[in-house]
């Protein structure tokens, strides 16, 4: 992205924040709260489907298991 386009976007965002009364501090708080509530992804397939392991197993994973694939095949490995 070129610098002129970047500056236009920044100006637009500043104007929107001013119009709606959103401060930088409040925006930072909202982003921090959102990050705190994000659950880690435990399962992922090659098509980008994900599941956090909570609730009912999603259809994409249920179909794979029914077809004979192990659930563990889709588990996200955390690199240390």
PDB file of N, CA and C in Angstrom:
ATOM      1  N   UNK A   1       0.855  -1.170   0.000  1.00  0.00           N
ATOM      2  CA  UNK A   1       0.000   0.000   0.000  1.00  0.00           C
ATOM      3  C   UNK A   1       0.903   1.235   0.000  1.00  0.00           C
ATOM      4  N   UNK A   2       0.579   2.164  -0.859  1.00  0.00           N
ATOM      5  CA  UNK A   2       1.435   3.350  -0.901  1.00  0.00           C
ATOM      6  C   UNK A   2       1.099   4.285   0.263  1.00  0.00           C
ATOM      7  N   UNK A   3       2.031   5.161   0.564  1.00  0.00           N
ATOM      8  CA  UNK A   3       1.922   6.038   1.734  1.00  0.00           C
ATOM      9  C   UNK A   3       0.727   6.978   1.652  1.00  0.00           C
ATOM     10  N   UNK A   4       0.415   7.485   0.470  1.00  0.00           N
ATOM     11  CA  UNK A   4      -0.714   8.408   0.318  1.00  0.00           C
ATOM     12  C   UNK A   4      -2.040   7.702   0.648  1.00  0.00           C
ATOM     13  N   UNK A   5      -2.185   6.493   0.157  1.00  0.00           N
ATOM     14  CA  UNK A   5      -3.401   5.722   0.435  1.00  0.00           C
ATOM     15  C   UNK A   5      -3.496   5.406   1.926  1.00  0.00           C
ATOM     16  N   UNK A   6      -2.367   5.045   2.519  1.00  0.00           N
ATOM     17  CA  UNK A   6      -2.316   4.755   3.958  1.00  0.00           C
ATOM     18  C   UNK A   6      -2.751   5.964   4.776  1.00  0.00           C
ATOM     19  N   UNK A   7      -2.265   7.135   4.419  1.00  0.00           N
ATOM     20  CA  UNK A   7      -2.623   8.351   5.146  1.00  0.00           C
ATOM     21  C   UNK A   7      -4.121   8.668   5.012  1.00  0.00           C
ATOM     22  N   UNK A   8      -4.677   8.422   3.839  1.00  0.00           N
ATOM     23  CA  UNK A   8      -6.114   8.641   3.644  1.00  0.00           C
ATOM     24  C   UNK A   8      -6.942   7.728   4.538  1.00  0.00           C
ATOM     25  N   UNK A   9      -6.503   6.489   4.649  1.00  0.00           N
ATOM     26  CA  UNK A   9      -7.216   5.537   5.499  1.00  0.00           C
ATOM     27  C   UNK A   9      -7.111   5.949   6.963  1.00  0.00           C
ATOM     28  N   UNK A  10      -5.940   6.356   7.384  1.00  0.00           N
ATOM     29  CA  UNK A  10      -5.744   6.810   8.763  1.00  0.00           C
ATOM     30  C   UNK A  10      -6.626   8.022   9.052  1.00  0.00           C
ATOM     31  N   UNK A  11      -6.678   8.962   8.142  1.00  0.00           N
ATOM     32  CA  UNK A  11      -7.528  10.151   8.315  1.00  0.00           C
ATOM     33  C   UNK A  11      -8.993   9.751   8.415  1.00  0.00           C
ATOM     34  N   UNK A  12      -9.423   8.833   7.574  1.00  0.00           N
ATOM     35  CA  UNK A  12     -10.809   8.361   7.616  1.00  0.00           C
ATOM     36  C   UNK A  12     -11.119   7.739   8.976  1.00  0.00           C
ATOM     37  N   UNK A  13     -10.226   6.888   9.465  1.00  0.00           N
ATOM     38  CA  UNK A  13     -10.442   6.232  10.754  1.00  0.00           C
ATOM     39  C   UNK A  13     -10.503   7.264  11.877  1.00  0.00           C
ATOM     40  N   UNK A  14      -9.611   8.230  11.864  1.00  0.00           N
ATOM     41  CA  UNK A  14      -9.620   9.293  12.885  1.00  0.00           C
ATOM     42  C   UNK A  14     -10.942  10.058  12.844  1.00  0.00           C
ATOM     43  N   UNK A  15     -11.419  10.372  11.641  1.00  0.00           N
ATOM     44  CA  UNK A  15     -12.691  11.092  11.510  1.00  0.00           C
ATOM     45  C   UNK A  15     -13.857  10.267  12.049  1.00  0.00           C
ATOM     46  N   UNK A  16     -13.870   8.983  11.755  1.00  0.00           N
ATOM     47  CA  UNK A  16     -14.937   8.110  12.249  1.00  0.00           C
ATOM     48  C   UNK A  16     -14.894   8.002  13.769  1.00  0.00           C
ATOM     49  N   UNK A  17     -13.708   7.889  14.317  1.00  0.00           N
ATOM     50  CA  UNK A  17     -13.574   7.822  15.770  1.00  0.00           C
ATOM     51  C   UNK A  17     -14.076   9.109  16.419  1.00  0.00           C
ATOM     52  N   UNK A  18     -13.733  10.248  15.831  1.00  0.00           N
ATOM     53  CA  UNK A  18     -14.191  11.528  16.365  1.00  0.00           C
ATOM     54  C   UNK A  18     -15.711  11.640  16.263  1.00  0.00           C
ATOM     55  N   UNK A  19     -16.272  11.221  15.137  1.00  0.00           N
ATOM     56  CA  UNK A  19     -17.716  11.310  14.927  1.00  0.00           C
ATOM     57  C   UNK A  19     -18.485  10.471  15.947  1.00  0.00           C
ATOM     58  N   UNK A  20     -17.953   9.304  16.298  1.00  0.00           N
ATOM     59  CA  UNK A  20     -18.646   8.411  17.219  1.00  0.00           C
ATOM     60  C   UNK A  20     -18.123   8.494  18.656  1.00  0.00           C
ATOM     61  N   UNK A  21     -17.206   9.418  18.900  1.00  0.00           N
ATOM     62  CA  UNK A  21     -16.709   9.621  20.260  1.00  0.00           C
ATOM     63  C   UNK A  21     -15.879   8.464  20.794  1.00  0.00           C
ATOM     64  N   UNK A  22     -15.083   7.854  19.935  1.00  0.00           N
ATOM     65  CA  UNK A  22     -14.254   6.725  20.347  1.00  0.00           C
ATOM     66  C   UNK A  22     -12.823   7.218  20.553  1.00  0.00           C
ATOM     67  N   UNK A  23     -12.311   7.017  21.762  1.00  0.00           N
ATOM     68  CA  UNK A  23     -10.934   7.421  22.053  1.00  0.00           C
ATOM     69  C   UNK A  23      -9.983   6.262  21.759  1.00  0.00           C
ATOM     70  N   UNK A  24      -8.716   6.589  21.623  1.00  0.00           N
ATOM     71  CA  UNK A  24      -7.689   5.570  21.418  1.00  0.00           C
ATOM     72  C   UNK A  24      -7.678   4.610  22.613  1.00  0.00           C
ATOM     73  N   UNK A  25      -7.831   5.147  23.817  1.00  0.00           N
ATOM     74  CA  UNK A  25      -7.816   4.324  25.021  1.00  0.00           C
ATOM     75  C   UNK A  25      -8.978   3.327  25.015  1.00  0.00           C
ATOM     76  N   UNK A  26     -10.166   3.807  24.644  1.00  0.00           N
ATOM     77  CA  UNK A  26     -11.340   2.926  24.625  1.00  0.00           C
ATOM     78  C   UNK A  26     -11.188   1.859  23.543  1.00  0.00           C
ATOM     79  N   UNK A  27     -10.633   2.231  22.428  1.00  0.00           N
ATOM     80  CA  UNK A  27     -10.387   1.269  21.351  1.00  0.00           C
ATOM     81  C   UNK A  27      -9.402   0.198  21.812  1.00  0.00           C
ATOM     82  N   UNK A  28      -8.337   0.604  22.489  1.00  0.00           N
ATOM     83  CA  UNK A  28      -7.346  -0.344  23.005  1.00  0.00           C
ATOM     84  C   UNK A  28      -7.981  -1.284  24.026  1.00  0.00           C
ATOM     85  N   UNK A  29      -8.847  -0.753  24.895  1.00  0.00           N
ATOM     86  CA  UNK A  29      -9.542  -1.584  25.880  1.00  0.00           C
ATOM     87  C   UNK A  29     -10.422  -2.624  25.192  1.00  0.00           C
ATOM     88  N   UNK A  30     -11.159  -2.193  24.177  1.00  0.00           N
ATOM     89  CA  UNK A  30     -12.057  -3.101  23.465  1.00  0.00           C
ATOM     90  C   UNK A  30     -11.264  -4.202  22.761  1.00  0.00           C
ATOM     91  N   UNK A  31     -10.142  -3.851  22.157  1.00  0.00           N
ATOM     92  CA  UNK A  31      -9.314  -4.851  21.487  1.00  0.00           C
ATOM     93  C   UNK A  31      -8.707  -5.834  22.483  1.00  0.00           C
ATOM     94  N   UNK A  32      -8.279  -5.335  23.642  1.00  0.00           N
ATOM     95  CA  UNK A  32      -7.710  -6.204  24.670  1.00  0.00           C
ATOM     96  C   UNK A  32      -8.778  -7.155  25.200  1.00  0.00           C
ATOM     97  N   UNK A  33      -9.992  -6.675  25.387  1.00  0.00           N
ATOM     98  CA  UNK A  33     -11.098  -7.511  25.864  1.00  0.00           C
ATOM     99  C   UNK A  33     -11.419  -8.598  24.849  1.00  0.00           C
ATOM    100  N   UNK A  34     -11.425  -8.232  23.579  1.00  0.00           N
ATOM    101  CA  UNK A  34     -11.710  -9.209  22.521  1.00  0.00           C
ATOM    102  C   UNK A  34     -10.643 -10.297  22.511  1.00  0.00           C
ATOM    103  N   UNK A  35      -9.385  -9.918  22.615  1.00  0.00           N
ATOM    104  CA  UNK A  35      -8.293 -10.892  22.608  1.00  0.00           C
ATOM    105  C   UNK A  35      -8.390 -11.838  23.795  1.00  0.00           C
ATOM    106  N   UNK A  36      -8.829 -11.306  24.938  1.00  0.00           N
ATOM    107  CA  UNK A  36      -8.943 -12.112  26.142  1.00  0.00           C
ATOM    108  C   UNK A  36     -10.015 -13.194  25.978  1.00  0.00           C
ATOM    109  N   UNK A  37     -11.041 -12.928  25.174  1.00  0.00           N
ATOM    110  CA  UNK A  37     -12.155 -13.846  25.006  1.00  0.00           C
ATOM    111  C   UNK A  37     -12.003 -14.803  23.830  1.00  0.00           C
ATOM    112  N   UNK A  38     -10.918 -14.702  23.092  1.00  0.00           N
ATOM    113  CA  UNK A  38     -10.699 -15.581  21.949  1.00  0.00           C
ATOM    114  C   UNK A  38     -10.237 -16.950  22.451  1.00  0.00           C
ATOM    115  N   UNK A  39     -10.944 -17.980  22.019  1.00  0.00           N
ATOM    116  CA  UNK A  39     -10.587 -19.340  22.413  1.00  0.00           C
ATOM    117  C   UNK A  39      -9.601 -19.893  21.395  1.00  0.00           C
ATOM    118  N   UNK A  40      -8.642 -20.680  21.861  1.00  0.00           N
ATOM    119  CA  UNK A  40      -7.665 -21.230  20.931  1.00  0.00           C
ATOM    120  C   UNK A  40      -8.307 -22.253  19.994  1.00  0.00           C
ATOM    121  N   UNK A  41      -7.795 -22.315  18.796  1.00  0.00           N
ATOM    122  CA  UNK A  41      -8.261 -23.290  17.815  1.00  0.00           C
ATOM    123  C   UNK A  41      -7.568 -24.616  18.118  1.00  0.00           C
ATOM    124  N   UNK A  42      -8.370 -25.659  18.294  1.00  0.00           N
ATOM    125  CA  UNK A  42      -7.803 -26.965  18.596  1.00  0.00           C
ATOM    126  C   UNK A  42      -7.759 -27.889  17.386  1.00  0.00           C
ATOM    127  N   UNK A  43      -8.673 -27.675  16.429  1.00  0.00           N
ATOM    128  CA  UNK A  43      -8.746 -28.536  15.250  1.00  0.00           C
ATOM    129  C   UNK A  43      -8.888 -27.685  13.994  1.00  0.00           C
ATOM    130  N   UNK A  44      -8.205 -28.106  12.915  1.00  0.00           N
ATOM    131  CA  UNK A  44      -8.243 -27.364  11.655  1.00  0.00           C
ATOM    132  C   UNK A  44      -8.085 -28.360  10.510  1.00  0.00           C
ATOM    133  N   UNK A  45      -8.797 -28.073   9.396  1.00  0.00           N
ATOM    134  CA  UNK A  45      -8.612 -28.918   8.213  1.00  0.00           C
ATOM    135  C   UNK A  45      -7.887 -28.129   7.123  1.00  0.00           C
ATOM    136  N   UNK A  46      -7.631 -28.772   6.015  1.00  0.00           N
ATOM    137  CA  UNK A  46      -6.882 -28.146   4.921  1.00  0.00           C
ATOM    138  C   UNK A  46      -7.657 -27.033   4.231  1.00  0.00           C
ATOM    139  N   UNK A  47      -8.946 -26.956   4.475  1.00  0.00           N
ATOM    140  CA  UNK A  47      -9.781 -25.926   3.839  1.00  0.00           C
ATOM    141  C   UNK A  47      -9.985 -24.705   4.729  1.00  0.00           C
ATOM    142  N   UNK A  48      -9.361 -24.708   5.898  1.00  0.00           N
ATOM    143  CA  UNK A  48      -9.474 -23.558   6.795  1.00  0.00           C
ATOM    144  C   UNK A  48     -10.606 -23.650   7.791  1.00  0.00           C
ATOM    145  N   UNK A  49     -11.338 -24.762   7.806  1.00  0.00           N
ATOM    146  CA  UNK A  49     -12.379 -24.946   8.819  1.00  0.00           C
ATOM    147  C   UNK A  49     -11.708 -25.165  10.165  1.00  0.00           C
ATOM    148  N   UNK A  50     -12.253 -24.565  11.211  1.00  0.00           N
ATOM    149  CA  UNK A  50     -11.661 -24.671  12.541  1.00  0.00           C
ATOM    150  C   UNK A  50     -12.731 -24.996  13.579  1.00  0.00           C
ATOM    151  N   UNK A  51     -12.263 -25.538  14.713  1.00  0.00           N
ATOM    152  CA  UNK A  51     -13.133 -25.834  15.837  1.00  0.00           C
ATOM    153  C   UNK A  51     -12.322 -25.677  17.104  1.00  0.00           C
ATOM    154  N   UNK A  52     -12.930 -25.036  18.120  1.00  0.00           N
ATOM    155  CA  UNK A  52     -12.245 -24.832  19.390  1.00  0.00           C
ATOM    156  C   UNK A  52     -12.451 -25.991  20.357  1.00  0.00           C
ATOM    157  N   UNK A  53     -13.162 -27.028  19.932  1.00  0.00           N
ATOM    158  CA  UNK A  53     -13.356 -28.200  20.763  1.00  0.00           C
ATOM    159  C   UNK A  53     -14.544 -28.100  21.705  1.00  0.00           C
ATOM    160  N   UNK A  54     -15.226 -26.967  21.717  1.00  0.00           N
ATOM    161  CA  UNK A  54     -16.381 -26.792  22.585  1.00  0.00           C
ATOM    162  C   UNK A  54     -17.664 -26.949  21.795  1.00  0.00           C
ATOM    163  N   UNK A  55     -18.661 -27.474  22.465  1.00  0.00           N
ATOM    164  CA  UNK A  55     -19.950 -27.649  21.814  1.00  0.00           C
ATOM    165  C   UNK A  55     -19.955 -28.858  20.902  1.00  0.00           C
ATOM    166  N   UNK A  56     -20.964 -28.913  20.075  1.00  0.00           N
ATOM    167  CA  UNK A  56     -21.132 -30.039  19.160  1.00  0.00           C
ATOM    168  C   UNK A  56     -20.047 -30.041  18.090  1.00  0.00           C
ATOM    169  N   UNK A  57     -19.598 -31.228  17.732  1.00  0.00           N
ATOM    170  CA  UNK A  57     -18.584 -31.363  16.690  1.00  0.00           C
ATOM    171  C   UNK A  57     -19.151 -30.810  15.380  1.00  0.00           C
ATOM    172  N   UNK A  58     -18.392 -29.953  14.687  1.00  0.00           N
ATOM    173  CA  UNK A  58     -18.893 -29.366  13.436  1.00  0.00           C
ATOM    174  C   UNK A  58     -19.036 -30.411  12.323  1.00  0.00           C
ATOM    175  N   UNK A  59     -19.902 -30.101  11.383  1.00  0.00           N
ATOM    176  CA  UNK A  59     -20.182 -31.038  10.288  1.00  0.00           C
ATOM    177  C   UNK A  59     -18.940 -31.456   9.518  1.00  0.00           C
ATOM    178  N   UNK A  60     -18.016 -30.524   9.225  1.00  0.00           N
ATOM    179  CA  UNK A  60     -16.836 -30.871   8.447  1.00  0.00           C
ATOM    180  C   UNK A  60     -16.017 -31.948   9.147  1.00  0.00           C
ATOM    181  N   UNK A  61     -15.919 -31.875  10.483  1.00  0.00           N
ATOM    182  CA  UNK A  61     -15.142 -32.846  11.235  1.00  0.00           C
ATOM    183  C   UNK A  61     -15.924 -34.149  11.402  1.00  0.00           C
ATOM    184  N   UNK A  62     -17.210 -34.035  11.617  1.00  0.00           N
ATOM    185  CA  UNK A  62     -18.056 -35.217  11.738  1.00  0.00           C
ATOM    186  C   UNK A  62     -17.997 -36.062  10.461  1.00  0.00           C
ATOM    187  N   UNK A  63     -18.046 -35.395   9.298  1.00  0.00           N
ATOM    188  CA  UNK A  63     -17.967 -36.110   8.017  1.00  0.00           C
ATOM    189  C   UNK A  63     -16.624 -36.820   7.863  1.00  0.00           C
ATOM    190  N   UNK A  64     -15.549 -36.150   8.266  1.00  0.00           N
ATOM    191  CA  UNK A  64     -14.216 -36.748   8.146  1.00  0.00           C
ATOM    192  C   UNK A  64     -14.090 -37.976   9.043  1.00  0.00           C
ATOM    193  N   UNK A  65     -14.603 -37.883  10.261  1.00  0.00           N
ATOM    194  CA  UNK A  65     -14.557 -39.011  11.186  1.00  0.00           C
ATOM    195  C   UNK A  65     -15.407 -40.160  10.651  1.00  0.00           C
ATOM    196  N   UNK A  66     -16.570 -39.844  10.138  1.00  0.00           N
ATOM    197  CA  UNK A  66     -17.448 -40.868   9.569  1.00  0.00           C
ATOM    198  C   UNK A  66     -16.773 -41.581   8.390  1.00  0.00           C
ATOM    199  N   UNK A  67     -15.945 -40.834   7.662  1.00  0.00           N
ATOM    200  CA  UNK A  67     -15.234 -41.402   6.512  1.00  0.00           C
ATOM    201  C   UNK A  67     -14.002 -42.200   6.938  1.00  0.00           C
ATOM    202  N   UNK A  68     -13.725 -42.246   8.246  1.00  0.00           N
ATOM    203  CA  UNK A  68     -12.628 -43.062   8.741  1.00  0.00           C
ATOM    204  C   UNK A  68     -11.407 -42.315   9.228  1.00  0.00           C
ATOM    205  N   UNK A  69     -11.416 -41.006   9.151  1.00  0.00           N
ATOM    206  CA  UNK A  69     -10.268 -40.210   9.596  1.00  0.00           C
ATOM    207  C   UNK A  69     -10.321 -40.033  11.115  1.00  0.00           C
ATOM    208  N   UNK A  70      -9.185 -40.027  11.751  1.00  0.00           N
ATOM    209  CA  UNK A  70      -9.106 -39.808  13.191  1.00  0.00           C
ATOM    210  C   UNK A  70      -9.261 -38.320  13.500  1.00  0.00           C
ATOM    211  N   UNK A  71      -9.949 -38.026  14.584  1.00  0.00           N
ATOM    212  CA  UNK A  71     -10.075 -36.633  15.031  1.00  0.00           C
ATOM    213  C   UNK A  71      -8.688 -36.051  15.290  1.00  0.00           C
ATOM    214  N   UNK A  72      -7.793 -36.863  15.810  1.00  0.00           N
ATOM    215  CA  UNK A  72      -6.442 -36.394  16.144  1.00  0.00           C
ATOM    216  C   UNK A  72      -5.658 -35.926  14.918  1.00  0.00           C
ATOM    217  N   UNK A  73      -6.024 -36.419  13.754  1.00  0.00           N
ATOM    218  CA  UNK A  73      -5.380 -35.973  12.517  1.00  0.00           C
ATOM    219  C   UNK A  73      -5.551 -34.468  12.319  1.00  0.00           C
ATOM    220  N   UNK A  74      -6.634 -33.921  12.823  1.00  0.00           N
ATOM    221  CA  UNK A  74      -6.962 -32.502  12.637  1.00  0.00           C
ATOM    222  C   UNK A  74      -6.530 -31.624  13.801  1.00  0.00           C
ATOM    223  N   UNK A  75      -5.971 -32.218  14.843  1.00  0.00           N
ATOM    224  CA  UNK A  75      -5.561 -31.438  16.009  1.00  0.00           C
ATOM    225  C   UNK A  75      -4.422 -30.494  15.641  1.00  0.00           C
ATOM    226  N   UNK A  76      -4.531 -29.252  16.085  1.00  0.00           N
ATOM    227  CA  UNK A  76      -3.501 -28.241  15.840  1.00  0.00           C
ATOM    228  C   UNK A  76      -2.339 -28.510  16.790  1.00  0.00           C
ATOM    229  N   UNK A  77      -1.177 -28.643  16.231  1.00  0.00           N
ATOM    230  CA  UNK A  77       0.026 -28.872  17.041  1.00  0.00           C
ATOM    231  C   UNK A  77       0.644 -27.525  17.384  1.00  0.00           C
ATOM    232  N   UNK A  78       0.911 -27.321  18.648  1.00  0.00           N
ATOM    233  CA  UNK A  78       1.522 -26.071  19.088  1.00  0.00           C
ATOM    234  C   UNK A  78       3.031 -26.241  19.082  1.00  0.00           C
ATOM    235  N   UNK A  79       3.707 -25.374  18.337  1.00  0.00           N
ATOM    236  CA  UNK A  79       5.175 -25.435  18.268  1.00  0.00           C
ATOM    237  C   UNK A  79       5.738 -24.701  19.466  1.00  0.00           C
ATOM    238  N   UNK A  80       6.738 -25.294  20.062  1.00  0.00           N
ATOM    239  CA  UNK A  80       7.370 -24.663  21.242  1.00  0.00           C
ATOM    240  C   UNK A  80       8.701 -24.090  20.892  1.00  0.00           C
TER     241      UNK A  80
END
